[in-house]
Amino acid sequence: MTSIEMDFFQWLGFAGMIFIVIAYFFLQLGMYDIHSLNYQLLNLIGAIALIISLLVHFNLGSFLIEVFWIMITLYGLFKTLRNKRKRDKKTKAQS
């Protein structure tokens, strides 16, 4: 049997992958929706962990997809927080 040895950065990339998969799984279960702050943060943390891992064990295709994943997640996070602030202001004004 072959032993697989992983360094810190490989474990970090593995953890990042788990975060992204869990976020997507919870989305499919209906526990999160696409506007959920938890969904956005799990995606962001996972992608950042993968990027850090890829800086040590570089793969261009994986690196580029993670760069785009982070940019899209940051956009979604910004949009979610902006909409939450608008709803909070509207609720406050109605009180």
Protein backbone atom coordinates (compact mmCIF):
# COMPACT_ATOMS: atom_id res chain seq x y z
CA MET A 1 0.00 0.00 0.00
CA THR A 2 1.33 3.43 -0.92
CA SER A 3 1.48 6.07 1.78
CA ILE A 4 0.34 9.58 0.85
CA GLU A 5 2.22 12.32 2.63
CA MET A 6 0.74 15.80 2.54
CA ASP A 7 2.42 19.01 3.65
CA PHE A 8 0.68 21.91 5.38
CA PHE A 9 -0.29 23.59 2.10
CA GLN A 10 -1.83 20.44 0.67
CA TRP A 11 -3.89 20.07 3.86
CA LEU A 12 -4.89 23.74 3.59
CA GLY A 13 -6.04 23.19 0.00
CA PHE A 14 -7.93 20.09 1.07
CA ALA A 15 -9.67 22.05 3.84
CA GLY A 16 -10.54 24.79 1.33
CA MET A 17 -12.11 22.23 -0.97
CA ILE A 18 -14.16 20.88 1.95
CA PHE A 19 -15.45 24.39 2.75
CA ILE A 20 -16.58 24.94 -0.84
CA VAL A 21 -18.23 21.51 -1.08
CA ILE A 22 -20.04 22.01 2.24
CA ALA A 23 -21.30 25.42 1.10
CA TYR A 24 -22.65 23.92 -2.12
CA PHE A 25 -24.14 20.91 -0.30
CA PHE A 26 -25.94 23.16 2.20
CA LEU A 27 -27.22 25.25 -0.71
CA GLN A 28 -28.65 22.13 -2.35
CA LEU A 29 -30.22 20.99 0.95
CA GLY A 30 -31.96 24.36 1.24
CA MET A 31 -30.09 25.21 4.44
CA TYR A 32 -28.56 28.23 2.69
CA ASP A 33 -29.68 30.30 -0.23
CA ILE A 34 -27.36 32.15 -2.58
CA HIS A 35 -27.81 35.34 -0.55
CA SER A 36 -26.84 33.70 2.74
CA LEU A 37 -23.88 35.32 4.44
CA ASN A 38 -22.71 31.88 5.66
CA TYR A 39 -22.80 30.52 2.10
CA GLN A 40 -20.74 33.44 0.81
CA LEU A 41 -18.20 33.21 3.64
CA LEU A 42 -17.71 29.44 3.29
CA ASN A 43 -17.05 29.94 -0.42
CA LEU A 44 -14.64 32.82 0.21
CA ILE A 45 -12.68 31.06 2.96
CA GLY A 46 -12.47 27.88 0.88
CA ALA A 47 -11.25 29.70 -2.21
CA ILE A 48 -8.65 31.69 -0.24
CA ALA A 49 -7.34 28.48 1.35
CA LEU A 50 -7.07 26.89 -2.09
CA ILE A 51 -5.27 29.94 -3.53
CA ILE A 52 -2.72 29.84 -0.70
CA SER A 53 -2.19 26.13 -1.35
CA LEU A 54 -1.77 26.79 -5.07
CA LEU A 55 0.90 29.41 -4.44
CA VAL A 56 3.10 26.55 -3.20
CA HIS A 57 1.85 23.72 -5.45
CA PHE A 58 1.04 25.76 -8.56
CA ASN A 59 -1.45 24.68 -11.20
CA LEU A 60 -2.50 27.43 -13.62
CA GLY A 61 -6.01 26.14 -14.31
CA SER A 62 -6.83 25.65 -10.64
CA PHE A 63 -5.28 29.00 -9.73
CA LEU A 64 -7.33 30.88 -12.31
CA ILE A 65 -10.62 29.26 -11.34
CA GLU A 66 -9.98 30.17 -7.70
CA VAL A 67 -9.17 33.79 -8.63
CA PHE A 68 -12.50 34.03 -10.46
CA TRP A 69 -14.27 32.18 -7.61
CA ILE A 70 -12.97 34.76 -5.13
CA MET A 71 -13.92 37.73 -7.35
CA ILE A 72 -17.45 36.40 -7.92
CA THR A 73 -17.87 35.56 -4.22
CA LEU A 74 -16.71 39.04 -3.18
CA TYR A 75 -19.25 40.54 -5.59
CA GLY A 76 -21.99 38.33 -4.12
CA LEU A 77 -20.92 39.17 -0.58
CA PHE A 78 -20.93 42.91 -1.34
CA LYS A 79 -24.34 42.65 -2.97
CA THR A 80 -25.77 40.64 -0.05
CA LEU A 81 -24.47 43.11 2.55
CA ARG A 82 -25.66 46.12 0.53
CA ASN A 83 -29.16 44.65 0.20
CA LYS A 84 -29.24 43.83 3.92
CA ARG A 85 -28.37 47.43 4.77
CA LYS A 86 -31.12 48.69 2.45
CA ARG A 87 -33.68 46.37 4.10
CA ASP A 88 -32.53 47.44 7.57
CA LYS A 89 -32.89 51.13 6.68
CA LYS A 90 -36.33 50.51 5.18
CA THR A 91 -37.44 48.60 8.28
CA LYS A 92 -36.09 51.33 10.54
CA ALA A 93 -37.90 54.03 8.52
CA GLN A 94 -41.20 52.13 8.80
CA SER A 95 -40.90 51.85 12.60
